[in-house]
Protein backbone atom coordinates (compact mmCIF):
# COMPACT_ATOMS: atom_id res chain seq x y z
CA MET A 1 -25.38 -23.40 10.78
CA ILE A 2 -22.79 -20.74 10.06
CA SER A 3 -20.32 -19.67 12.71
CA ILE A 4 -18.04 -16.67 12.40
CA TYR A 5 -14.83 -16.48 14.43
CA PRO A 6 -12.79 -13.27 14.34
CA ILE A 7 -9.06 -13.44 14.92
CA THR A 8 -6.56 -10.90 16.18
CA THR A 9 -3.22 -10.64 14.40
CA GLY A 10 -1.87 -7.36 15.64
CA LEU A 11 -0.83 -4.73 13.14
CA ILE A 12 0.49 -6.23 9.90
CA LYS A 13 3.20 -4.06 8.37
CA ALA A 14 5.00 -3.91 5.02
CA GLY A 15 7.28 -6.92 4.68
CA ASP A 16 5.42 -9.08 7.21
CA ASP A 17 4.38 -12.60 6.23
CA PRO A 18 0.59 -12.19 6.25
CA MET A 19 -0.13 -15.90 5.70
CA LYS A 20 1.82 -16.92 8.78
CA ARG A 21 0.42 -14.06 10.90
CA ILE A 22 -3.19 -14.71 9.89
CA VAL A 23 -3.27 -18.51 9.79
CA ASP A 24 -1.21 -18.87 12.97
CA SER A 25 -3.70 -16.56 14.74
CA ILE A 26 -6.64 -18.89 14.13
CA TRP A 27 -7.73 -20.16 17.53
CA VAL A 28 -10.46 -22.63 16.50
CA ASP A 29 -10.06 -26.02 14.84
CA ILE A 30 -10.08 -25.67 11.06
CA GLU A 31 -12.16 -28.31 9.34
CA GLU A 32 -12.54 -29.52 5.78
CA GLY A 33 -14.73 -27.09 3.83
CA ASP A 34 -14.31 -24.11 6.18
CA VAL A 35 -14.00 -20.71 4.56
CA LEU A 36 -11.43 -18.11 5.54
CA VAL A 37 -12.43 -14.51 4.80
CA ILE A 38 -9.42 -12.22 4.88
CA SER A 39 -9.52 -8.44 4.69
CA SER A 40 -7.56 -7.04 1.77
CA LYS A 41 -6.01 -4.12 3.71
CA PRO A 42 -3.40 -6.07 5.71
CA LEU A 43 -2.47 -7.98 2.56
CA LEU A 44 -2.07 -4.77 0.56
CA THR A 45 0.12 -3.37 3.33
CA ALA A 46 2.26 -6.51 3.72
CA TYR A 47 2.82 -6.82 -0.03
CA GLY A 48 3.79 -3.16 -0.44
CA LYS A 49 0.64 -2.15 -2.34
CA VAL A 50 0.21 1.11 -0.42
CA VAL A 51 1.82 4.23 -1.88
CA ASP A 52 2.43 7.69 -0.50
CA LEU A 53 0.85 10.30 -2.77
CA SER A 54 3.60 12.81 -1.98
CA PHE A 55 5.92 10.80 -4.25
CA ILE A 56 3.55 10.75 -7.25
CA ARG A 57 4.16 13.10 -10.17
CA TYR A 58 1.20 13.95 -12.33
CA GLY A 59 0.76 15.06 -15.91
CA ARG A 60 -1.70 17.15 -17.90
CA ASN A 61 -4.25 14.34 -18.36
CA ALA A 62 -4.35 13.74 -14.62
CA LEU A 63 -4.81 17.45 -13.96
CA GLU A 64 -7.75 17.60 -16.38
CA LEU A 65 -9.32 14.50 -14.81
CA SER A 66 -8.85 15.91 -11.32
CA LYS A 67 -10.59 19.17 -12.20
CA ARG A 68 -13.49 17.47 -13.92
CA TYR A 69 -14.24 15.02 -11.09
CA SER A 70 -12.99 16.92 -8.01
CA ILE A 71 -10.20 14.52 -7.11
CA GLY A 72 -6.57 15.30 -6.43
CA PRO A 73 -4.25 15.29 -9.46
CA LYS A 74 -1.90 12.72 -7.89
CA PHE A 75 -4.81 10.36 -7.24
CA ALA A 76 -5.98 10.97 -10.81
CA GLU A 77 -2.51 10.05 -12.09
CA LEU A 78 -2.76 6.69 -10.34
CA ILE A 79 -6.26 6.14 -11.73
CA LEU A 80 -4.88 6.64 -15.24
CA LYS A 81 -2.30 3.85 -14.77
CA TYR A 82 -4.61 0.88 -14.04
CA PRO A 83 -7.83 0.69 -16.04
CA ASP A 84 -8.51 -0.92 -19.37
CA GLY A 85 -11.09 1.81 -19.92
CA ILE A 86 -12.25 5.04 -18.35
CA TYR A 87 -15.86 6.02 -18.80
CA ARG A 88 -17.64 8.89 -17.17
CA GLY A 89 -18.05 9.65 -13.53
CA VAL A 90 -19.47 11.78 -10.79
CA ARG A 91 -17.85 13.99 -8.19
CA GLU A 92 -14.94 12.07 -6.60
CA ALA A 93 -15.62 8.84 -8.50
CA ILE A 94 -14.59 7.81 -11.99
CA LEU A 95 -16.11 4.71 -13.56
CA THR A 96 -13.35 2.46 -14.90
CA VAL A 97 -12.96 -1.10 -16.16
CA VAL A 98 -10.10 -3.24 -14.84
CA ASP A 99 -9.85 -6.88 -15.96
CA ASP A 100 -13.46 -6.77 -17.26
CA VAL A 101 -14.81 -5.53 -13.90
CA LEU A 102 -16.47 -2.13 -13.40
CA LEU A 103 -14.63 -0.36 -10.59
CA ALA A 104 -14.76 3.12 -9.18
CA ASN A 105 -11.39 4.86 -9.46
CA ALA A 106 -9.67 1.79 -10.97
CA GLY A 107 -9.97 -0.02 -7.65
CA LEU A 108 -7.68 2.44 -5.84
CA ASP A 109 -8.63 2.86 -2.21
CA ARG A 110 -7.97 5.86 0.04
CA LYS A 111 -9.86 4.71 3.11
CA ASN A 112 -7.87 3.09 5.91
CA ALA A 113 -4.63 3.34 3.91
CA GLY A 114 -3.19 6.12 6.05
CA ILE A 115 -2.81 9.87 5.71
CA ASN A 116 -1.98 10.86 2.11
CA LYS A 117 -1.70 7.18 1.13
CA VAL A 118 -3.53 5.02 -1.40
CA ALA A 119 -3.95 1.24 -1.54
CA LEU A 120 -3.27 0.04 -5.08
CA PRO A 121 -5.52 -2.57 -6.69
CA PHE A 122 -4.50 -6.21 -6.42
CA THR A 123 -3.48 -7.66 -9.75
CA GLU A 124 -2.54 -11.12 -8.49
CA LEU A 125 -5.46 -12.20 -6.31
CA LYS A 126 -5.63 -15.78 -7.61
CA GLY A 127 -2.00 -16.34 -6.69
CA ILE A 128 -2.45 -14.96 -3.18
CA VAL A 129 -5.59 -17.02 -2.60
CA GLY A 130 -3.73 -20.11 -3.84
CA LYS A 131 -0.85 -19.48 -1.43
CA PHE A 132 -3.25 -19.15 1.52
CA TYR A 133 -5.01 -22.36 0.47
CA LYS A 134 -1.69 -24.24 0.25
CA TYR A 135 -0.42 -22.83 3.55
CA VAL A 136 -3.59 -23.99 5.38
CA TYR A 137 -3.53 -27.37 3.62
CA ASP A 138 0.14 -27.94 4.46
CA LYS A 139 -0.37 -26.93 8.10
CA TYR A 140 -3.74 -28.57 8.87
CA GLY A 141 -4.29 -31.11 6.07
CA VAL A 142 -7.74 -29.74 5.20
CA ARG A 143 -9.12 -28.04 2.11
CA VAL A 144 -10.67 -24.65 2.78
CA GLY A 145 -12.18 -21.85 0.77
CA VAL A 146 -10.34 -18.54 0.80
CA ILE A 147 -11.99 -15.18 0.15
CA ILE A 148 -10.11 -11.89 0.00
CA SER A 149 -12.66 -9.32 1.13
CA ASP A 150 -12.96 -5.57 0.86
CA SER A 151 -15.67 -3.05 1.35
CA MET A 152 -17.35 -2.15 -1.89
CA ILE A 153 -19.05 0.75 -3.55
CA ALA A 154 -21.57 0.51 -6.33
CA PRO A 155 -20.11 2.64 -9.16
CA LEU A 156 -23.40 3.29 -10.95
CA ARG A 157 -25.65 3.97 -7.97
CA GLY A 158 -25.49 7.77 -8.43
CA GLY A 159 -25.80 7.79 -12.21
CA LEU A 160 -23.37 9.37 -14.64
CA GLU A 161 -22.62 12.92 -15.60
CA PRO A 162 -23.85 13.83 -19.08
């Protein structure tokens, strides 16, 4: 049987220690083999992975990309910085490859990041997951699974522009 227990941490801000805030907020006994599912947004915020678009300068390539796919030029500039490849796209979504994974808009995320802000893609997920694992093991003496979760879109669901 699977049981799901939500926790309440309060607002996690830039510079906070998300491991301590999240793990110390767990109110049920943690047992060997449990799985912690942690939303990526508070981690992105705590680790300073949210940027204000008003500070981004964009170039000609970003302007061309923004016109073609109906996205802002500053957002387009960020998209150009992360992917290993840019393919085609549809209105407001550009199909990219980052670390051999197909991602819309290079994994950049505008939802729930704040007004005029963008959450940057994580580039060190394995390290963060490892730190959470170690923190829980050191505190409780049990081995747990750790999943960093985010909402997802399916980049190819609407097809590609010709």
